Amino acid sequence: MTFRHIPLLLATLFITSIALAANPAKPAVSDIAAGLLSIKIDGMQDLPISGLKMVKSGEQTVFISSNGRFAFYGGKLMDIWTQQEIKELADIDKIANRIDLSRMKLKADDLGPVTVGNGKAQVLVFIDPRCPYCGKVMKDLQALQDQYTFKLVMVPILGPESQNIVVQLACQLGASDAKTKDAVRDRLLKQDFAGLPTDQPVQCNKEPLQKAIVTAKLFDLKGVPFLIAPDGRTHSGAPESLADWLADKPKPSPSLATTPDTQSKNATEKKQ
């Protein structure tokens, strides 16, 4: 199965899982246009949808996002991954801007992760071994190992060199001895890949790596690092403060006393 088939497969599963209902009478085009022109907009917010596909199945039509997550059917906007309806603007933050791994029945350990830490709360982090911003996250998380368990999932998005590193490390992770797994974790955290072979491993279970790549595509990753917090919040890129983001602390508002305009005004007043 190729990546482009995933959304279509999800759409098919969604269509077959919902009950068939009689289609309501369609209003005239002129009535629809008049209705759109008379709508009073009380609020608006972007949805995390990178594209939209129209899927036809018999008499049923479903509009589905390109990553297969959101579907508009029968006048309802559904989050397919969690089987929840999005009704209000607040639902976008509570549902659409989060990934609930438990509802998706997705286990991080099935993706062949490197585990760092032993805290109760789990954080899923998609990384490329050669990504400098991933290096920042991996440096920051080492001070939080008592609070969180970080599952680092490797995906090769930076070209052939990354692909070789990911394959070599993923195959070594398949070894049963803890010493080898510790060595892989140390290499990854230090981003030290000197001496890794370039030949494809003869014996290697690549299934976890394949699942990791498919999952990254499913999540519509545009880049790495990509983090999923214990409460399902997502973050693309390295957070300025990993600890604050994980704790969901609001960003401090800039003080009026320290804004450039205020500084210039104060300096002018002093000169006078």
C-alpha atoms as a PDB file:
ATOM      1  CA  MET A   1       0.000   0.000   0.000  1.00  0.00           C
ATOM      2  CA  THR A   2       1.363   3.445  -0.913  1.00  0.00           C
ATOM      3  CA  PHE A   3       0.906   6.565   1.197  1.00  0.00           C
ATOM      4  CA  ARG A   4      -1.590   8.068  -1.252  1.00  0.00           C
ATOM      5  CA  HIS A   5      -3.937   5.120  -0.689  1.00  0.00           C
ATOM      6  CA  ILE A   6      -4.214   5.688   3.077  1.00  0.00           C
ATOM      7  CA  PRO A   7      -6.816   8.522   3.030  1.00  0.00           C
ATOM      8  CA  LEU A   8      -8.964   6.598   0.534  1.00  0.00           C
ATOM      9  CA  LEU A   9      -8.823   3.493   2.700  1.00  0.00           C
ATOM     10  CA  LEU A  10      -9.830   5.492   5.779  1.00  0.00           C
ATOM     11  CA  ALA A  11     -12.657   7.097   3.856  1.00  0.00           C
ATOM     12  CA  THR A  12     -13.914   3.684   2.760  1.00  0.00           C
ATOM     13  CA  LEU A  13     -13.800   2.380   6.323  1.00  0.00           C
ATOM     14  CA  PHE A  14     -15.656   5.455   7.527  1.00  0.00           C
ATOM     15  CA  ILE A  15     -18.387   5.165   4.917  1.00  0.00           C
ATOM     16  CA  THR A  16     -18.988   1.493   5.624  1.00  0.00           C
ATOM     17  CA  SER A  17     -19.086   2.082   9.371  1.00  0.00           C
ATOM     18  CA  ILE A  18     -21.900   4.642   9.376  1.00  0.00           C
ATOM     19  CA  ALA A  19     -25.556   3.773   9.077  1.00  0.00           C
ATOM     20  CA  LEU A  20     -27.288   4.422   5.779  1.00  0.00           C
ATOM     21  CA  ALA A  21     -29.833   7.220   5.908  1.00  0.00           C
ATOM     22  CA  ALA A  22     -32.282   8.669   3.414  1.00  0.00           C
ATOM     23  CA  ASN A  23     -30.979  11.805   1.736  1.00  0.00           C
ATOM     24  CA  PRO A  24     -32.984  14.921   2.608  1.00  0.00           C
ATOM     25  CA  ALA A  25     -34.544  17.005  -0.143  1.00  0.00           C
ATOM     26  CA  LYS A  26     -31.965  19.253  -1.767  1.00  0.00           C
ATOM     27  CA  PRO A  27     -32.686  23.005  -1.736  1.00  0.00           C
ATOM     28  CA  ALA A  28     -32.502  24.965  -4.952  1.00  0.00           C
ATOM     29  CA  VAL A  29     -29.140  26.493  -5.857  1.00  0.00           C
ATOM     30  CA  SER A  30     -30.611  29.987  -5.579  1.00  0.00           C
ATOM     31  CA  ASP A  31     -31.788  29.213  -2.035  1.00  0.00           C
ATOM     32  CA  ILE A  32     -28.313  28.006  -1.066  1.00  0.00           C
ATOM     33  CA  ALA A  33     -26.684  31.162  -2.467  1.00  0.00           C
ATOM     34  CA  ALA A  34     -29.186  33.391  -0.670  1.00  0.00           C
ATOM     35  CA  GLY A  35     -28.583  31.520   2.551  1.00  0.00           C
ATOM     36  CA  LEU A  36     -24.808  31.896   2.289  1.00  0.00           C
ATOM     37  CA  LEU A  37     -25.089  35.640   1.623  1.00  0.00           C
ATOM     38  CA  SER A  38     -27.349  36.141   4.642  1.00  0.00           C
ATOM     39  CA  ILE A  39     -25.203  34.190   7.129  1.00  0.00           C
ATOM     40  CA  LYS A  40     -24.151  36.137  10.207  1.00  0.00           C
ATOM     41  CA  ILE A  41     -20.654  34.953  11.133  1.00  0.00           C
ATOM     42  CA  ASP A  42     -20.185  34.739  14.886  1.00  0.00           C
ATOM     43  CA  GLY A  43     -16.708  33.229  14.796  1.00  0.00           C
ATOM     44  CA  MET A  44     -14.204  31.588  12.530  1.00  0.00           C
ATOM     45  CA  GLN A  45     -11.178  29.346  13.064  1.00  0.00           C
ATOM     46  CA  ASP A  46      -8.886  27.419  10.751  1.00  0.00           C
ATOM     47  CA  LEU A  47      -9.081  23.635  10.788  1.00  0.00           C
ATOM     48  CA  PRO A  48      -5.854  21.607  10.578  1.00  0.00           C
ATOM     49  CA  ILE A  49      -6.786  20.303   7.136  1.00  0.00           C
ATOM     50  CA  SER A  50      -4.206  20.476   4.364  1.00  0.00           C
ATOM     51  CA  GLY A  51      -6.582  19.387   1.618  1.00  0.00           C
ATOM     52  CA  LEU A  52     -10.009  18.006   0.913  1.00  0.00           C
ATOM     53  CA  LYS A  53     -11.137  15.051  -1.163  1.00  0.00           C
ATOM     54  CA  MET A  54     -14.625  14.204  -2.366  1.00  0.00           C
ATOM     55  CA  VAL A  55     -15.343  10.498  -1.998  1.00  0.00           C
ATOM     56  CA  LYS A  56     -18.360   8.952  -3.721  1.00  0.00           C
ATOM     57  CA  SER A  57     -19.707   5.554  -2.652  1.00  0.00           C
ATOM     58  CA  GLY A  58     -22.978   4.693  -4.342  1.00  0.00           C
ATOM     59  CA  GLU A  59     -25.480   7.335  -3.283  1.00  0.00           C
ATOM     60  CA  GLN A  60     -23.256   8.544  -0.453  1.00  0.00           C
ATOM     61  CA  THR A  61     -20.830  11.432  -0.720  1.00  0.00           C
ATOM     62  CA  VAL A  62     -18.181  12.158   1.868  1.00  0.00           C
ATOM     63  CA  PHE A  63     -15.748  15.065   1.887  1.00  0.00           C
ATOM     64  CA  ILE A  64     -12.596  13.918   3.629  1.00  0.00           C
ATOM     65  CA  SER A  65      -9.321  15.614   4.516  1.00  0.00           C
ATOM     66  CA  SER A  66      -6.197  14.561   2.650  1.00  0.00           C
ATOM     67  CA  ASN A  67      -4.766  12.791   5.703  1.00  0.00           C
ATOM     68  CA  GLY A  68      -8.016  10.879   6.182  1.00  0.00           C
ATOM     69  CA  ARG A  69      -8.801  12.374   9.576  1.00  0.00           C
ATOM     70  CA  PHE A  70     -11.763  14.718   9.072  1.00  0.00           C
ATOM     71  CA  ALA A  71     -14.914  13.909   7.147  1.00  0.00           C
ATOM     72  CA  PHE A  72     -18.004  15.988   6.368  1.00  0.00           C
ATOM     73  CA  TYR A  73     -21.000  13.699   6.040  1.00  0.00           C
ATOM     74  CA  GLY A  74     -24.726  14.211   6.432  1.00  0.00           C
ATOM     75  CA  GLY A  75     -24.272  17.767   7.668  1.00  0.00           C
ATOM     76  CA  LYS A  76     -21.797  16.707  10.361  1.00  0.00           C
ATOM     77  CA  LEU A  77     -18.062  17.257  10.644  1.00  0.00           C
ATOM     78  CA  MET A  78     -16.490  14.155  12.161  1.00  0.00           C
ATOM     79  CA  ASP A  79     -13.057  13.371  13.513  1.00  0.00           C
ATOM     80  CA  ILE A  80     -12.680   9.850  12.144  1.00  0.00           C
ATOM     81  CA  TRP A  81      -9.729   8.990  14.359  1.00  0.00           C
ATOM     82  CA  THR A  82     -11.699   9.525  17.547  1.00  0.00           C
ATOM     83  CA  GLN A  83     -15.258   9.094  16.166  1.00  0.00           C
ATOM     84  CA  GLN A  84     -16.248  12.470  17.630  1.00  0.00           C
ATOM     85  CA  GLU A  85     -18.367  15.177  16.073  1.00  0.00           C
ATOM     86  CA  ILE A  86     -17.015  18.723  15.865  1.00  0.00           C
ATOM     87  CA  LYS A  87     -19.857  21.131  16.611  1.00  0.00           C
ATOM     88  CA  GLU A  88     -18.379  24.230  18.234  1.00  0.00           C
ATOM     89  CA  LEU A  89     -15.298  26.387  17.759  1.00  0.00           C
ATOM     90  CA  ALA A  90     -14.029  25.148  21.111  1.00  0.00           C
ATOM     91  CA  ASP A  91     -14.123  21.573  19.768  1.00  0.00           C
ATOM     92  CA  ILE A  92     -11.329  22.443  17.351  1.00  0.00           C
ATOM     93  CA  ASP A  93      -8.872  22.912  20.203  1.00  0.00           C
ATOM     94  CA  LYS A  94     -10.256  20.067  22.299  1.00  0.00           C
ATOM     95  CA  ILE A  95     -10.513  17.572  19.440  1.00  0.00           C
ATOM     96  CA  ALA A  96      -9.076  18.674  16.112  1.00  0.00           C
ATOM     97  CA  ASN A  97      -5.827  20.180  17.392  1.00  0.00           C
ATOM     98  CA  ARG A  98      -5.053  17.091  19.463  1.00  0.00           C
ATOM     99  CA  ILE A  99      -4.211  13.475  18.762  1.00  0.00           C
ATOM    100  CA  ASP A 100      -5.726  10.992  21.182  1.00  0.00           C
ATOM    101  CA  LEU A 101      -3.531   7.918  20.817  1.00  0.00           C
ATOM    102  CA  SER A 102      -5.716   5.823  23.119  1.00  0.00           C
ATOM    103  CA  ARG A 103      -8.866   6.430  21.055  1.00  0.00           C
ATOM    104  CA  MET A 104      -6.912   5.554  17.927  1.00  0.00           C
ATOM    105  CA  LYS A 105      -5.692   2.402  19.671  1.00  0.00           C
ATOM    106  CA  LEU A 106      -2.174   3.352  18.608  1.00  0.00           C
ATOM    107  CA  LYS A 107       0.646   2.042  20.777  1.00  0.00           C
ATOM    108  CA  ALA A 108       3.901   3.960  20.613  1.00  0.00           C
ATOM    109  CA  ASP A 109       5.909   0.788  21.217  1.00  0.00           C
ATOM    110  CA  ASP A 110       4.602  -0.640  17.937  1.00  0.00           C
ATOM    111  CA  LEU A 111       6.544   2.097  16.098  1.00  0.00           C
ATOM    112  CA  GLY A 112       9.969   0.923  17.252  1.00  0.00           C
ATOM    113  CA  PRO A 113      10.757   3.941  19.459  1.00  0.00           C
ATOM    114  CA  VAL A 114      13.839   4.769  21.467  1.00  0.00           C
ATOM    115  CA  THR A 115      12.677   5.165  25.065  1.00  0.00           C
ATOM    116  CA  VAL A 116      14.134   7.896  27.282  1.00  0.00           C
ATOM    117  CA  GLY A 117      12.985   8.489  30.864  1.00  0.00           C
ATOM    118  CA  ASN A 118      10.732   6.647  33.275  1.00  0.00           C
ATOM    119  CA  GLY A 119       8.021   9.168  34.214  1.00  0.00           C
ATOM    120  CA  LYS A 120       4.348   8.273  34.332  1.00  0.00           C
ATOM    121  CA  ALA A 121       3.287  10.608  31.516  1.00  0.00           C
ATOM    122  CA  GLN A 122       4.205   9.577  27.978  1.00  0.00           C
ATOM    123  CA  VAL A 123       5.366  11.958  25.251  1.00  0.00           C
ATOM    124  CA  LEU A 124       5.585  10.818  21.629  1.00  0.00           C
ATOM    125  CA  VAL A 125       8.250  12.597  19.558  1.00  0.00           C
ATOM    126  CA  PHE A 126       8.843  12.067  15.833  1.00  0.00           C
ATOM    127  CA  ILE A 127      12.418  12.927  14.876  1.00  0.00           C
ATOM    128  CA  ASP A 128      14.963  12.640  12.116  1.00  0.00           C
ATOM    129  CA  PRO A 129      18.352  11.682  13.603  1.00  0.00           C
ATOM    130  CA  ARG A 130      20.166  14.442  11.685  1.00  0.00           C
ATOM    131  CA  CYS A 131      17.690  17.243  12.426  1.00  0.00           C
ATOM    132  CA  PRO A 132      19.276  20.022  14.558  1.00  0.00           C
ATOM    133  CA  TYR A 133      15.917  21.082  16.040  1.00  0.00           C
ATOM    134  CA  CYS A 134      15.346  17.456  17.029  1.00  0.00           C
ATOM    135  CA  GLY A 135      18.726  17.665  18.737  1.00  0.00           C
ATOM    136  CA  LYS A 136      17.459  20.603  20.814  1.00  0.00           C
ATOM    137  CA  VAL A 137      14.396  18.632  21.918  1.00  0.00           C
ATOM    138  CA  MET A 138      16.513  15.602  22.793  1.00  0.00           C
ATOM    139  CA  LYS A 139      18.847  17.805  24.838  1.00  0.00           C
ATOM    140  CA  ASP A 140      15.963  19.487  26.671  1.00  0.00           C
ATOM    141  CA  LEU A 141      14.096  16.277  27.468  1.00  0.00           C
ATOM    142  CA  GLN A 142      17.024  14.791  29.378  1.00  0.00           C
ATOM    143  CA  ALA A 143      16.263  17.076  32.331  1.00  0.00           C
ATOM    144  CA  LEU A 144      12.660  15.810  32.401  1.00  0.00           C
ATOM    145  CA  GLN A 145      13.231  12.052  32.506  1.00  0.00           C
ATOM    146  CA  ASP A 146      11.774  11.659  36.001  1.00  0.00           C
ATOM    147  CA  GLN A 147       8.508  13.337  35.002  1.00  0.00           C
ATOM    148  CA  TYR A 148       7.969  11.867  31.551  1.00  0.00           C
ATOM    149  CA  THR A 149       8.722   8.857  29.408  1.00  0.00           C
ATOM    150  CA  PHE A 150       9.726  10.026  25.951  1.00  0.00           C
ATOM    151  CA  LYS A 151       9.138   7.736  22.982  1.00  0.00           C
ATOM    152  CA  LEU A 152      11.427   8.910  20.172  1.00  0.00           C
ATOM    153  CA  VAL A 153      10.182   7.633  16.819  1.00  0.00           C
ATOM    154  CA  MET A 154      12.695   7.905  13.990  1.00  0.00           C
ATOM    155  CA  VAL A 155      11.507   8.846  10.497  1.00  0.00           C
ATOM    156  CA  PRO A 156      13.954   9.590   7.647  1.00  0.00           C
ATOM    157  CA  ILE A 157      12.823  12.838   6.063  1.00  0.00           C
ATOM    158  CA  LEU A 158      16.204  14.494   5.388  1.00  0.00           C
ATOM    159  CA  GLY A 159      17.374  12.292   2.555  1.00  0.00           C
ATOM    160  CA  PRO A 160      19.388   9.119   1.917  1.00  0.00           C
ATOM    161  CA  GLU A 161      21.880   9.684   4.745  1.00  0.00           C
ATOM    162  CA  SER A 162      19.070   9.910   7.268  1.00  0.00           C
ATOM    163  CA  GLN A 163      17.450   6.857   5.733  1.00  0.00           C
ATOM    164  CA  ASN A 164      20.593   4.783   6.245  1.00  0.00           C
ATOM    165  CA  ILE A 165      20.975   5.965   9.852  1.00  0.00           C
ATOM    166  CA  VAL A 166      17.340   5.216  10.665  1.00  0.00           C
ATOM    167  CA  VAL A 167      17.483   1.746   9.123  1.00  0.00           C
ATOM    168  CA  GLN A 168      20.746   0.866  10.893  1.00  0.00           C
ATOM    169  CA  LEU A 169      19.535   2.075  14.298  1.00  0.00           C
ATOM    170  CA  ALA A 170      16.071   0.560  13.883  1.00  0.00           C
ATOM    171  CA  CYS A 171      17.597  -2.826  13.074  1.00  0.00           C
ATOM    172  CA  GLN A 172      19.884  -2.594  16.104  1.00  0.00           C
ATOM    173  CA  LEU A 173      16.865  -1.788  18.282  1.00  0.00           C
ATOM    174  CA  GLY A 174      15.440  -5.145  17.275  1.00  0.00           C
ATOM    175  CA  ALA A 175      18.218  -6.825  19.228  1.00  0.00           C
ATOM    176  CA  SER A 176      17.098  -8.405  22.470  1.00  0.00           C
ATOM    177  CA  ASP A 177      20.031  -7.319  24.631  1.00  0.00           C
ATOM    178  CA  ALA A 178      19.692  -4.134  26.652  1.00  0.00           C
ATOM    179  CA  LYS A 179      23.308  -3.129  25.993  1.00  0.00           C
ATOM    180  CA  THR A 180      22.679  -2.708  22.260  1.00  0.00           C
ATOM    181  CA  LYS A 181      19.501  -0.719  22.882  1.00  0.00           C
ATOM    182  CA  ASP A 182      21.356   1.554  25.314  1.00  0.00           C
ATOM    183  CA  ALA A 183      24.034   2.141  22.678  1.00  0.00           C
ATOM    184  CA  VAL A 184      21.377   3.138  20.129  1.00  0.00           C
ATOM    185  CA  ARG A 185      19.801   5.548  22.617  1.00  0.00           C
ATOM    186  CA  ASP A 186      23.193   7.132  23.378  1.00  0.00           C
ATOM    187  CA  ARG A 187      23.993   7.547  19.697  1.00  0.00           C
ATOM    188  CA  LEU A 188      20.653   9.158  19.043  1.00  0.00           C
ATOM    189  CA  LEU A 189      20.748  11.569  22.002  1.00  0.00           C
ATOM    190  CA  LYS A 190      24.293  12.654  21.096  1.00  0.00           C
ATOM    191  CA  GLN A 191      23.547  12.575  17.358  1.00  0.00           C
ATOM    192  CA  ASP A 192      26.763  10.623  16.930  1.00  0.00           C
ATOM    193  CA  PHE A 193      26.472   8.270  13.980  1.00  0.00           C
ATOM    194  CA  ALA A 194      30.141   7.791  13.127  1.00  0.00           C
ATOM    195  CA  GLY A 195      31.084   4.255  12.164  1.00  0.00           C
ATOM    196  CA  LEU A 196      27.612   3.062  11.246  1.00  0.00           C
ATOM    197  CA  PRO A 197      27.688   0.606   8.328  1.00  0.00           C
ATOM    198  CA  THR A 198      26.231   1.646   4.995  1.00  0.00           C
ATOM    199  CA  ASP A 199      25.263  -1.824   3.777  1.00  0.00           C
ATOM    200  CA  GLN A 200      21.711  -2.957   4.385  1.00  0.00           C
ATOM    201  CA  PRO A 201      21.455  -5.306   7.389  1.00  0.00           C
ATOM    202  CA  VAL A 202      21.013  -8.919   6.350  1.00  0.00           C
ATOM    203  CA  GLN A 203      18.573  -9.758   9.122  1.00  0.00           C
ATOM    204  CA  CYS A 204      16.241  -7.048  10.311  1.00  0.00           C
ATOM    205  CA  ASN A 205      12.605  -6.724  11.301  1.00  0.00           C
ATOM    206  CA  LYS A 206      11.592  -3.524   9.533  1.00  0.00           C
ATOM    207  CA  GLU A 207       7.912  -3.765  10.426  1.00  0.00           C
ATOM    208  CA  PRO A 208       8.096  -1.228  13.322  1.00  0.00           C
ATOM    209  CA  LEU A 209       9.937   1.242  11.062  1.00  0.00           C
ATOM    210  CA  GLN A 210       7.356   0.782   8.313  1.00  0.00           C
ATOM    211  CA  LYS A 211       4.574   1.423  10.829  1.00  0.00           C
ATOM    212  CA  ALA A 212       6.392   4.551  12.018  1.00  0.00           C
ATOM    213  CA  ILE A 213       6.634   5.934   8.483  1.00  0.00           C
ATOM    214  CA  VAL A 214       2.972   5.190   7.710  1.00  0.00           C
ATOM    215  CA  THR A 215       1.924   6.794  11.017  1.00  0.00           C
ATOM    216  CA  ALA A 216       3.977   9.914  10.244  1.00  0.00           C
ATOM    217  CA  LYS A 217       2.205  10.171   6.901  1.00  0.00           C
ATOM    218  CA  LEU A 218      -1.150   9.598   8.579  1.00  0.00           C
ATOM    219  CA  PHE A 219      -0.439  12.461  10.995  1.00  0.00           C
ATOM    220  CA  ASP A 220       0.404  14.620   7.960  1.00  0.00           C
ATOM    221  CA  LEU A 221       3.821  15.563   9.323  1.00  0.00           C
ATOM    222  CA  LYS A 222       5.274  18.517   7.462  1.00  0.00           C
ATOM    223  CA  GLY A 223       8.533  18.349   9.384  1.00  0.00           C
ATOM    224  CA  VAL A 224      10.242  17.258  12.566  1.00  0.00           C
ATOM    225  CA  PRO A 225      10.374  17.335  15.484  1.00  0.00           C
ATOM    226  CA  PHE A 226       6.671  16.651  15.959  1.00  0.00           C
ATOM    227  CA  LEU A 227       5.506  16.188  19.538  1.00  0.00           C
ATOM    228  CA  ILE A 228       2.356  14.752  21.083  1.00  0.00           C
ATOM    229  CA  ALA A 229       1.920  15.672  24.746  1.00  0.00           C
ATOM    230  CA  PRO A 230       0.307  13.337  27.315  1.00  0.00           C
ATOM    231  CA  ASP A 231      -2.978  15.252  26.950  1.00  0.00           C
ATOM    232  CA  GLY A 232      -2.917  14.943  23.151  1.00  0.00           C
ATOM    233  CA  ARG A 233      -1.721  18.469  22.334  1.00  0.00           C
ATOM    234  CA  THR A 234       0.586  18.575  19.315  1.00  0.00           C
ATOM    235  CA  HIS A 235       3.538  20.783  18.465  1.00  0.00           C
ATOM    236  CA  SER A 236       5.444  21.015  15.205  1.00  0.00           C
ATOM    237  CA  GLY A 237       9.026  22.154  15.743  1.00  0.00           C
ATOM    238  CA  ALA A 238      11.120  22.524  18.880  1.00  0.00           C
ATOM    239  CA  PRO A 239       9.249  24.298  21.711  1.00  0.00           C
ATOM    240  CA  GLU A 240      11.051  27.316  23.123  1.00  0.00           C
ATOM    241  CA  SER A 241      10.699  25.709  26.549  1.00  0.00           C
ATOM    242  CA  LEU A 242       9.909  21.998  26.415  1.00  0.00           C
ATOM    243  CA  ALA A 243       9.050  21.876  30.116  1.00  0.00           C
ATOM    244  CA  ASP A 244       6.616  24.798  29.849  1.00  0.00           C
ATOM    245  CA  TRP A 245       4.936  23.391  26.749  1.00  0.00           C
ATOM    246  CA  LEU A 246       4.457  19.977  28.316  1.00  0.00           C
ATOM    247  CA  ALA A 247       3.015  21.631  31.432  1.00  0.00           C
ATOM    248  CA  ASP A 248       0.728  23.689  29.129  1.00  0.00           C
ATOM    249  CA  LYS A 249       1.917  26.955  30.625  1.00  0.00           C
ATOM    250  CA  PRO A 250       0.663  30.030  28.755  1.00  0.00           C
ATOM    251  CA  LYS A 251       3.305  32.138  27.076  1.00  0.00           C
ATOM    252  CA  PRO A 252       4.007  35.341  29.032  1.00  0.00           C
ATOM    253  CA  SER A 253       2.634  38.490  27.448  1.00  0.00           C
ATOM    254  CA  PRO A 254       5.300  41.063  26.580  1.00  0.00           C
ATOM    255  CA  SER A 255       5.459  43.786  29.215  1.00  0.00           C
ATOM    256  CA  LEU A 256       4.568  47.276  28.095  1.00  0.00           C
ATOM    257  CA  ALA A 257       7.639  48.482  29.932  1.00  0.00           C
ATOM    258  CA  THR A 258       9.903  46.422  27.695  1.00  0.00           C
ATOM    259  CA  THR A 259       8.349  46.956  24.271  1.00  0.00           C
ATOM    260  CA  PRO A 260      10.563  48.740  21.700  1.00  0.00           C
ATOM    261  CA  ASP A 261       8.147  51.714  21.442  1.00  0.00           C
ATOM    262  CA  THR A 262       8.109  52.189  25.209  1.00  0.00           C
ATOM    263  CA  GLN A 263      11.898  51.903  25.436  1.00  0.00           C
ATOM    264  CA  SER A 264      12.312  54.577  22.747  1.00  0.00           C
ATOM    265  CA  LYS A 265       9.811  56.845  24.492  1.00  0.00           C
ATOM    266  CA  ASN A 266      11.559  56.436  27.859  1.00  0.00           C
ATOM    267  CA  ALA A 267      14.949  57.165  26.291  1.00  0.00           C
ATOM    268  CA  THR A 268      13.580  60.339  24.668  1.00  0.00           C
ATOM    269  CA  GLU A 269      12.092  61.544  27.940  1.00  0.00           C
ATOM    270  CA  LYS A 270      15.398  61.028  29.745  1.00  0.00           C
ATOM    271  CA  LYS A 271      17.256  63.099  27.182  1.00  0.00           C
ATOM    272  CA  GLN A 272      14.807  65.959  27.656  1.00  0.00           C
END
